[in-house]
N, C-alpha and C. Protein backbone atom coordinates (compact mmCIF):
# COMPACT_ATOMS: atom_id res chain seq x y z
N MET A 1 -29.73 -4.73 0.07
CA MET A 1 -28.49 -6.16 0.43
C MET A 1 -28.54 -7.80 -0.65
N ALA A 2 -27.15 -7.50 -1.21
CA ALA A 2 -27.06 -7.97 -2.40
C ALA A 2 -26.32 -8.85 -2.54
N GLY A 3 -26.72 -9.61 -2.99
CA GLY A 3 -26.56 -11.46 -2.71
C GLY A 3 -26.41 -12.21 -1.43
N GLY A 4 -27.04 -11.34 -0.55
CA GLY A 4 -27.53 -12.16 0.84
C GLY A 4 -26.12 -12.11 1.51
N VAL A 5 -25.57 -10.39 1.61
CA VAL A 5 -24.90 -9.72 2.53
C VAL A 5 -25.01 -8.53 2.78
N ASP A 6 -25.22 -8.60 3.72
CA ASP A 6 -25.36 -6.94 4.39
C ASP A 6 -24.30 -5.91 4.38
N ASP A 7 -24.03 -5.09 3.50
CA ASP A 7 -22.88 -4.35 3.15
C ASP A 7 -22.66 -3.50 4.69
N ASP A 8 -23.67 -3.11 5.14
CA ASP A 8 -23.42 -2.05 6.75
C ASP A 8 -23.19 -2.68 7.42
N LEU A 9 -23.80 -3.97 7.59
CA LEU A 9 -23.07 -5.44 8.48
C LEU A 9 -21.45 -5.47 8.67
N TRP A 10 -21.05 -5.66 7.15
CA TRP A 10 -20.03 -5.95 7.23
C TRP A 10 -19.36 -5.02 6.64
N SER A 11 -19.60 -3.51 7.16
CA SER A 11 -18.51 -2.75 7.09
C SER A 11 -18.38 -1.98 8.43
N ALA A 12 -19.57 -1.97 9.40
CA ALA A 12 -19.36 -2.24 10.98
C ALA A 12 -18.39 -3.43 11.67
N ILE A 13 -18.80 -4.07 10.98
CA ILE A 13 -17.23 -5.86 11.89
C ILE A 13 -16.07 -5.26 11.17
N GLY A 14 -15.90 -4.57 9.80
CA GLY A 14 -15.06 -4.30 8.77
C GLY A 14 -13.55 -3.60 10.12
N ASP A 15 -14.33 -2.35 10.70
CA ASP A 15 -13.40 -1.76 11.57
C ASP A 15 -12.86 -2.73 12.51
N PRO A 16 -11.42 -2.86 13.09
CA PRO A 16 -11.08 -3.45 14.16
C PRO A 16 -11.13 -2.83 15.67
N THR A 17 -11.37 -1.75 15.71
CA THR A 17 -12.05 -1.25 17.15
C THR A 17 -13.12 -1.89 17.22
N ARG A 18 -13.85 -1.84 16.06
CA ARG A 18 -15.36 -2.74 16.30
C ARG A 18 -15.58 -4.18 16.63
N ARG A 19 -14.48 -4.74 16.28
CA ARG A 19 -14.61 -5.95 16.18
C ARG A 19 -14.37 -6.29 17.98
N ARG A 20 -13.15 -5.59 17.98
CA ARG A 20 -12.64 -5.72 19.30
C ARG A 20 -13.98 -5.38 20.63
N LEU A 21 -13.81 -3.81 20.41
CA LEU A 21 -15.65 -3.70 20.75
C LEU A 21 -16.75 -4.83 21.57
N LEU A 22 -16.91 -5.67 20.26
CA LEU A 22 -17.62 -6.64 19.86
C LEU A 22 -17.04 -8.12 21.17
N ASP A 23 -15.68 -8.34 20.62
CA ASP A 23 -15.12 -9.47 21.75
C ASP A 23 -14.92 -8.91 23.30
N LEU A 24 -15.22 -7.58 23.18
CA LEU A 24 -14.93 -7.39 25.04
C LEU A 24 -16.50 -7.43 25.48
N LEU A 25 -17.09 -7.02 24.57
CA LEU A 25 -19.18 -7.11 25.68
C LEU A 25 -19.21 -8.79 25.08
N LEU A 26 -18.73 -9.58 24.32
CA LEU A 26 -19.04 -10.78 24.18
C LEU A 26 -18.63 -11.58 25.85
N VAL A 27 -16.95 -11.52 25.74
CA VAL A 27 -16.53 -11.89 27.32
C VAL A 27 -17.12 -11.32 28.58
N ASP A 28 -17.67 -9.90 28.51
CA ASP A 28 -17.92 -8.95 29.68
C ASP A 28 -19.78 -9.33 30.02
N GLY A 29 -20.28 -9.82 29.19
CA GLY A 29 -21.70 -9.76 28.96
C GLY A 29 -22.32 -8.60 28.41
N GLY A 30 -21.74 -7.14 28.39
CA GLY A 30 -21.86 -5.69 27.98
C GLY A 30 -21.21 -5.01 28.80
N GLY A 31 -21.60 -3.59 29.01
CA GLY A 31 -20.81 -2.51 29.21
C GLY A 31 -21.10 -1.54 28.79
N THR A 32 -20.75 -0.44 29.23
CA THR A 32 -20.87 1.25 29.16
C THR A 32 -19.60 1.60 27.72
N ALA A 33 -19.86 2.24 27.63
CA ALA A 33 -18.61 3.56 26.65
C ALA A 33 -17.60 3.52 27.76
N THR A 34 -18.34 4.33 28.72
CA THR A 34 -17.16 4.06 30.07
C THR A 34 -15.81 2.81 30.18
N SER A 35 -16.80 2.41 30.75
CA SER A 35 -15.79 0.55 31.60
C SER A 35 -15.78 0.38 29.66
N LEU A 36 -15.67 0.72 28.63
CA LEU A 36 -15.43 -0.03 27.71
C LEU A 36 -13.60 0.92 27.00
N SER A 37 -14.07 2.07 27.33
CA SER A 37 -12.97 2.79 26.69
C SER A 37 -12.05 2.73 27.95
N ARG A 38 -11.72 1.97 29.30
CA ARG A 38 -10.58 2.03 29.81
C ARG A 38 -10.45 0.94 29.65
N GLN A 39 -10.32 -0.14 28.07
CA GLN A 39 -9.63 -1.44 27.93
C GLN A 39 -9.12 -1.13 26.67
N LEU A 40 -9.63 -0.17 25.90
CA LEU A 40 -8.82 0.15 24.65
C LEU A 40 -8.27 1.77 24.28
N PRO A 41 -7.53 1.64 24.19
CA PRO A 41 -6.73 2.60 23.36
C PRO A 41 -7.53 4.22 22.59
N VAL A 42 -8.41 4.40 23.23
CA VAL A 42 -8.99 5.07 22.39
C VAL A 42 -10.01 5.93 23.54
N THR A 43 -10.47 6.86 23.31
CA THR A 43 -11.31 8.03 23.69
C THR A 43 -12.78 7.06 24.54
N ARG A 44 -13.46 7.38 25.42
CA ARG A 44 -14.35 7.23 25.74
C ARG A 44 -15.35 7.56 24.45
N GLN A 45 -15.14 9.04 24.10
CA GLN A 45 -16.24 9.17 23.10
C GLN A 45 -16.17 8.45 21.84
N ALA A 46 -14.96 8.46 21.71
CA ALA A 46 -14.52 6.94 20.14
C ALA A 46 -15.30 6.10 20.59
N VAL A 47 -15.04 5.67 21.82
CA VAL A 47 -15.87 4.11 21.51
C VAL A 47 -17.56 4.43 21.43
N ALA A 48 -17.92 5.83 22.49
CA ALA A 48 -19.58 6.19 21.95
C ALA A 48 -19.87 5.91 20.34
N LYS A 49 -18.96 6.24 19.46
CA LYS A 49 -18.95 6.50 17.97
C LYS A 49 -19.14 5.05 17.98
N HIS A 50 -17.79 4.32 17.81
CA HIS A 50 -18.42 2.85 17.49
C HIS A 50 -19.31 2.20 18.21
N LEU A 51 -19.66 1.92 18.86
CA LEU A 51 -20.61 1.74 19.32
C LEU A 51 -22.16 1.98 18.88
N GLY A 52 -22.65 3.08 18.31
CA GLY A 52 -23.12 3.62 17.89
C GLY A 52 -23.40 2.90 16.47
N VAL A 53 -22.82 3.18 16.31
CA VAL A 53 -22.32 2.42 14.89
C VAL A 53 -22.54 0.71 14.44
N LEU A 54 -22.57 0.38 15.75
CA LEU A 54 -22.42 -1.32 15.51
C LEU A 54 -24.30 -1.25 16.10
N ASP A 55 -24.51 -0.23 17.10
CA ASP A 55 -25.96 -0.44 17.68
C ASP A 55 -27.02 0.11 16.30
N ARG A 56 -26.66 0.89 15.16
CA ARG A 56 -27.68 1.45 14.09
C ARG A 56 -27.86 0.17 12.77
N VAL A 57 -26.32 -0.98 13.19
CA VAL A 57 -26.51 -2.31 12.36
C VAL A 57 -27.41 -3.39 13.12
N GLY A 58 -27.79 -3.04 13.76
CA GLY A 58 -28.60 -3.79 14.84
C GLY A 58 -27.45 -5.05 15.89
N LEU A 59 -26.32 -5.07 15.61
CA LEU A 59 -24.92 -6.41 16.93
C LEU A 59 -25.35 -5.75 18.25
N VAL A 60 -25.39 -4.40 18.20
CA VAL A 60 -25.25 -4.57 19.96
C VAL A 60 -26.74 -3.72 20.45
N ARG A 61 -27.37 -4.32 21.49
CA ARG A 61 -28.66 -3.15 21.73
C ARG A 61 -27.99 -2.27 23.34
N ALA A 62 -28.54 -1.11 23.32
CA ALA A 62 -28.91 -0.50 24.09
C ALA A 62 -29.82 -0.16 25.20
N THR A 63 -29.19 -0.45 26.55
CA THR A 63 -30.25 -0.20 27.19
C THR A 63 -30.25 1.19 28.25
N PRO A 64 -30.83 2.00 28.53
CA PRO A 64 -30.25 3.37 29.65
C PRO A 64 -29.52 2.77 31.24
N ALA A 65 -28.69 2.91 31.41
CA ALA A 65 -28.14 3.23 32.52
C ALA A 65 -27.43 3.88 33.48
N GLY A 66 -28.08 4.57 34.11
CA GLY A 66 -28.11 5.86 35.09
C GLY A 66 -27.95 6.92 33.96
N ARG A 67 -26.66 7.39 33.50
CA ARG A 67 -26.31 8.67 32.84
C ARG A 67 -26.11 8.29 31.11
N GLU A 68 -25.71 6.40 31.51
CA GLU A 68 -24.70 5.91 30.26
C GLU A 68 -25.92 4.87 29.87
N LYS A 69 -25.45 4.29 28.87
CA LYS A 69 -26.16 3.20 28.41
C LYS A 69 -25.71 2.09 28.29
N ARG A 70 -26.11 1.43 28.64
CA ARG A 70 -25.03 -0.31 28.87
C ARG A 70 -25.52 -1.43 27.51
N TYR A 71 -24.63 -1.74 27.24
CA TYR A 71 -23.92 -2.29 25.43
C TYR A 71 -24.63 -3.58 25.85
N ARG A 72 -25.27 -4.36 24.81
CA ARG A 72 -24.71 -5.77 25.26
C ARG A 72 -25.05 -6.94 23.63
N VAL A 73 -24.22 -8.10 23.22
CA VAL A 73 -24.32 -8.09 21.68
C VAL A 73 -25.88 -8.66 21.94
N ASP A 74 -26.52 -8.65 20.44
CA ASP A 74 -27.47 -9.25 20.50
C ASP A 74 -27.00 -10.32 19.41
N ASP A 75 -27.83 -11.64 19.97
CA ASP A 75 -27.00 -12.75 19.88
C ASP A 75 -27.89 -13.07 18.09
N ALA A 76 -29.12 -12.07 18.19
CA ALA A 76 -29.58 -13.02 16.82
C ALA A 76 -29.14 -12.86 15.65
N GLN A 77 -28.00 -10.68 15.54
CA GLN A 77 -27.78 -10.59 14.68
C GLN A 77 -26.22 -10.88 14.33
N LEU A 78 -25.75 -11.28 15.68
CA LEU A 78 -24.77 -11.81 15.42
C LEU A 78 -24.83 -13.35 14.76
N ALA A 79 -25.41 -13.82 14.90
CA ALA A 79 -25.88 -15.10 14.23
C ALA A 79 -25.89 -15.12 12.76
N ARG A 80 -26.73 -14.33 12.52
CA ARG A 80 -26.88 -13.66 11.02
C ARG A 80 -25.38 -13.36 10.61
N ALA A 81 -24.88 -12.79 11.29
CA ALA A 81 -23.29 -12.60 10.89
C ALA A 81 -22.54 -13.44 10.31
N VAL A 82 -22.63 -14.35 10.93
CA VAL A 82 -21.78 -15.34 11.17
C VAL A 82 -22.29 -16.05 9.85
N ALA A 83 -23.20 -16.63 10.38
CA ALA A 83 -24.07 -17.27 8.66
C ALA A 83 -23.43 -16.85 7.91
N GLN A 84 -24.17 -15.18 7.27
CA GLN A 84 -23.63 -14.89 5.80
C GLN A 84 -22.18 -15.05 6.02
N LEU A 85 -20.95 -15.19 6.55
CA LEU A 85 -19.83 -15.05 7.00
C LEU A 85 -19.73 -16.55 6.30
N ALA A 86 -20.84 -17.86 6.64
CA ALA A 86 -20.17 -19.00 6.22
C ALA A 86 -20.65 -19.41 4.77
N SER A 87 -21.84 -18.36 4.44
CA SER A 87 -21.98 -18.77 2.81
C SER A 87 -21.06 -17.87 1.95
N VAL A 88 -20.74 -16.87 2.59
CA VAL A 88 -19.54 -16.26 1.59
C VAL A 88 -18.25 -17.31 1.84
N GLY A 89 -18.18 -17.31 2.56
CA GLY A 89 -16.94 -18.53 2.39
C GLY A 89 -17.09 -19.86 1.58
N SER A 90 -18.34 -20.41 2.22
CA SER A 90 -18.48 -21.52 1.12
C SER A 90 -18.63 -21.11 -0.55
N ALA A 91 -18.72 -19.98 -0.87
CA ALA A 91 -18.78 -19.33 -2.51
C ALA A 91 -17.51 -19.59 -2.61
N TRP A 92 -16.88 -19.12 -2.09
CA TRP A 92 -15.31 -18.54 -2.46
C TRP A 92 -14.51 -20.11 -2.10
N ASP A 93 -14.92 -21.16 -1.39
CA ASP A 93 -14.08 -22.08 -1.57
C ASP A 93 -14.85 -22.73 -3.42
N ALA A 94 -16.41 -22.14 -3.54
CA ALA A 94 -16.27 -23.46 -4.65
C ALA A 94 -15.95 -22.74 -6.20
N ARG A 95 -15.37 -21.04 -5.77
CA ARG A 95 -14.77 -20.65 -6.71
C ARG A 95 -13.48 -20.75 -6.64
N LEU A 96 -12.65 -20.92 -5.68
CA LEU A 96 -11.91 -21.38 -5.65
C LEU A 96 -11.02 -23.08 -6.10
N GLN A 97 -12.08 -23.77 -5.60
CA GLN A 97 -11.63 -25.06 -6.27
C GLN A 97 -12.29 -25.12 -7.36
N ARG A 98 -12.70 -24.43 -8.86
CA ARG A 98 -12.90 -24.63 -9.92
C ARG A 98 -12.35 -24.25 -10.48
N ILE A 99 -10.89 -22.34 -10.40
CA ILE A 99 -10.07 -22.37 -10.69
C ILE A 99 -9.13 -22.95 -10.81
N ARG A 100 -8.64 -23.81 -9.63
CA ARG A 100 -8.31 -25.39 -9.81
C ARG A 100 -7.99 -26.32 -10.10
N ARG A 101 -9.32 -26.52 -10.74
CA ARG A 101 -9.87 -27.31 -11.58
C ARG A 101 -9.29 -27.25 -12.87
N ILE A 102 -9.74 -25.75 -13.02
CA ILE A 102 -9.01 -25.36 -14.72
C ILE A 102 -7.60 -25.25 -14.96
N ALA A 103 -6.70 -25.11 -13.84
CA ALA A 103 -5.62 -24.42 -13.56
C ALA A 103 -4.93 -25.63 -14.40
N GLU A 104 -5.61 -27.02 -13.29
CA GLU A 104 -4.97 -28.11 -13.80
C GLU A 104 -5.09 -28.74 -14.66
N ALA A 105 -6.75 -28.00 -15.59
CA ALA A 105 -6.67 -28.66 -16.68
C ALA A 105 -5.81 -28.08 -18.08
N ILE A 106 -5.17 -26.86 -17.71
CA ILE A 106 -4.42 -26.37 -18.29
C ILE A 106 -2.87 -27.07 -18.35
N GLN A 107 -2.89 -27.34 -17.39
CA GLN A 107 -1.11 -28.01 -16.81
C GLN A 107 -1.01 -29.07 -18.04
N ARG A 108 -2.44 -30.22 -17.62
CA ARG A 108 -2.23 -31.18 -18.15
C ARG A 108 -2.55 -31.16 -19.58
N ALA A 109 -2.86 -29.70 -20.14
CA ALA A 109 -2.90 -30.16 -21.82
C ALA A 109 -1.41 -29.56 -22.28
N GLN A 110 -0.97 -28.32 -21.47
CA GLN A 110 0.92 -28.21 -21.27
C GLN A 110 1.31 -29.14 -21.32
N GLN A 111 1.04 -30.62 -21.07
CA GLN A 111 2.29 -31.14 -20.72
C GLN A 111 1.74 -32.72 -21.73
N ASP A 112 0.86 -32.84 -22.54
CA ASP A 112 0.03 -33.76 -23.31
C ASP A 112 1.26 -32.52 -24.31
């Protein structure tokens, strides 16, 4: 983990299908690969693979549910991801403010 950012976590979240799965799980409170695949334009097998990625990074947790697994969002790991995003956002805000101050200084110097 470099600079406080978990690259594996963000790689997992970077995929639009996985973000949609997280949305569905948050709204529904949980689901199986079969139930989730009914709400997405991808196969059950594709959903299962995406859920496996989310499980490996800890964003979802699986519990046995008959012949399938039932997935739910891990609130603590999601909170960690949100905190990382806020931290990265703050760092970039500071960088952009510095760039703005430099650009304004250059503009003032050119006007003088």
